[in-house]
Amino acid sequence: MSVVYNIVVFLHIVGAAMILGPWIANMKQPTVGPRQFDGAMTQLVTGIILMGLIPVLGQTDEDFANPNYPKLITKFVVAVVIGALAFVGNRQRKSGAAVAPGLAHAVGGLALLNVAIATLWK
């Protein structure tokens, strides 16, 4: 089961890279690209899967016995906001409208915040 967990963590990190990479690459002309939306959905789905695996793994592995639910809920809420903003930005870009720089920076900045929460909150 830990192999499955590690594979899902890998995909979760790939999702973060799909959001952060284009954001950093387009910093001077910010927009929300299609891969950022895909990355947001990857993060959201894999995050939900990880939250579901934690109680199962907690039965056999002490590292998962006491999950930090406030941290996980915070990350989930931020991920939902990222997904919603990426959806809006992607729809605007597809329709030919300019994506507001604030919206594009919110998607990337919140993704960076979620990485910080994951790594710094103990």
Protein backbone atom coordinates (compact mmCIF):
# COMPACT_ATOMS: atom_id res chain seq x y z
CA MET A 1 0.00 0.00 0.00
CA SER A 2 2.89 2.39 0.62
CA VAL A 3 3.92 1.96 -3.02
CA VAL A 4 0.50 3.23 -4.08
CA TYR A 5 0.83 6.13 -1.62
CA ASN A 6 4.27 7.05 -3.02
CA ILE A 7 3.00 6.94 -6.61
CA VAL A 8 0.10 9.24 -5.72
CA VAL A 9 2.52 11.61 -3.91
CA PHE A 10 4.65 11.65 -7.07
CA LEU A 11 1.62 12.57 -9.19
CA HIS A 12 0.66 15.21 -6.63
CA ILE A 13 4.09 16.83 -7.00
CA VAL A 14 3.85 16.66 -10.79
CA GLY A 15 0.52 18.52 -10.51
CA ALA A 16 2.22 21.28 -8.51
CA ALA A 17 4.95 21.54 -11.12
CA MET A 18 2.31 21.87 -13.85
CA ILE A 19 0.94 24.93 -12.06
CA LEU A 20 4.18 26.56 -10.92
CA GLY A 21 6.27 26.02 -14.06
CA PRO A 22 4.06 27.99 -16.46
CA TRP A 23 3.45 30.66 -13.82
CA ILE A 24 7.17 31.28 -13.40
CA ALA A 25 7.80 31.02 -17.16
CA ASN A 26 5.11 33.63 -17.92
CA MET A 27 5.83 35.95 -15.02
CA LYS A 28 6.27 39.00 -17.29
CA GLN A 29 3.08 38.32 -19.27
CA PRO A 30 0.95 36.42 -16.76
CA THR A 31 -1.83 34.18 -17.98
CA VAL A 32 -3.46 30.92 -16.98
CA GLY A 33 -2.60 28.12 -19.36
CA PRO A 34 -4.38 24.84 -20.00
CA ARG A 35 -1.68 22.82 -18.23
CA GLN A 36 -2.13 24.94 -15.11
CA PHE A 37 -5.79 23.95 -14.98
CA ASP A 38 -4.81 20.30 -15.57
CA GLY A 39 -2.23 20.58 -12.79
CA ALA A 40 -4.80 22.07 -10.43
CA MET A 41 -7.18 19.18 -11.09
CA THR A 42 -4.33 16.67 -10.70
CA GLN A 43 -3.45 18.23 -7.35
CA LEU A 44 -7.05 18.20 -6.20
CA VAL A 45 -7.76 14.59 -7.20
CA THR A 46 -4.47 13.20 -5.89
CA GLY A 47 -4.86 15.20 -2.67
CA ILE A 48 -8.27 13.66 -2.08
CA ILE A 49 -6.84 10.19 -2.78
CA LEU A 50 -3.99 10.83 -0.34
CA MET A 51 -6.44 11.95 2.33
CA GLY A 52 -8.34 8.70 1.79
CA LEU A 53 -5.20 6.58 2.01
CA ILE A 54 -3.99 8.09 5.29
CA PRO A 55 -6.53 6.30 7.56
CA VAL A 56 -5.85 3.01 5.78
CA LEU A 57 -2.10 3.37 6.14
CA GLY A 58 -2.49 4.54 9.75
CA GLN A 59 -3.63 1.04 10.71
CA THR A 60 -0.27 -0.48 9.80
CA ASP A 61 2.26 2.39 9.75
CA GLU A 62 2.95 4.60 12.78
CA ASP A 63 3.95 7.52 10.54
CA PHE A 64 0.32 7.81 9.42
CA ALA A 65 -1.29 7.08 12.80
CA ASN A 66 -1.82 10.75 13.78
CA PRO A 67 -2.54 12.79 10.65
CA ASN A 68 -2.49 16.58 10.91
CA TYR A 69 -6.08 17.22 9.82
CA PRO A 70 -5.98 21.03 10.21
CA LYS A 71 -3.05 21.10 7.76
CA LEU A 72 -4.80 18.75 5.34
CA ILE A 73 -8.04 20.73 5.45
CA THR A 74 -6.13 23.99 4.87
CA LYS A 75 -4.35 22.47 1.87
CA PHE A 76 -7.66 21.17 0.52
CA VAL A 77 -9.36 24.57 0.79
CA VAL A 78 -6.43 26.29 -0.94
CA ALA A 79 -6.47 23.60 -3.67
CA VAL A 80 -10.19 24.15 -4.30
CA VAL A 81 -9.58 27.91 -4.66
CA ILE A 82 -6.66 27.26 -7.03
CA GLY A 83 -8.84 24.93 -9.10
CA ALA A 84 -11.64 27.48 -9.31
CA LEU A 85 -9.29 30.32 -10.28
CA ALA A 86 -7.49 28.15 -12.83
CA PHE A 87 -10.85 27.17 -14.32
CA VAL A 88 -11.93 30.81 -14.63
CA GLY A 89 -8.57 31.90 -16.07
CA ASN A 90 -8.48 29.03 -18.54
CA ARG A 91 -12.04 29.82 -19.74
CA GLN A 92 -11.12 33.49 -20.18
CA ARG A 93 -8.02 32.58 -22.18
CA LYS A 94 -9.99 30.15 -24.36
CA SER A 95 -12.62 32.78 -25.14
CA GLY A 96 -9.93 35.18 -26.29
CA ALA A 97 -10.31 37.55 -23.36
CA ALA A 98 -7.23 38.76 -21.53
CA VAL A 99 -6.60 37.03 -18.23
CA ALA A 100 -6.14 39.54 -15.44
CA PRO A 101 -2.57 39.48 -14.10
CA GLY A 102 -3.93 39.26 -10.56
CA LEU A 103 -5.85 36.11 -11.42
CA ALA A 104 -2.80 34.49 -13.02
CA HIS A 105 -0.59 35.43 -10.07
CA ALA A 106 -3.22 34.19 -7.63
CA VAL A 107 -3.16 30.73 -9.25
CA GLY A 108 0.64 30.52 -9.10
CA GLY A 109 1.01 32.20 -5.74
CA LEU A 110 -1.58 30.01 -4.06
CA ALA A 111 0.06 26.90 -5.54
CA LEU A 112 3.35 28.08 -4.07
CA LEU A 113 1.58 28.67 -0.74
CA ASN A 114 0.24 25.10 -0.83
CA VAL A 115 3.76 23.75 -1.40
CA ALA A 116 4.96 25.86 1.55
CA ILE A 117 2.16 24.53 3.75
CA ALA A 118 3.00 20.97 2.76
CA THR A 119 6.70 21.32 3.50
CA LEU A 120 6.93 23.83 6.36
CA TRP A 121 3.89 23.06 8.53
CA LYS A 122 4.85 20.25 10.88
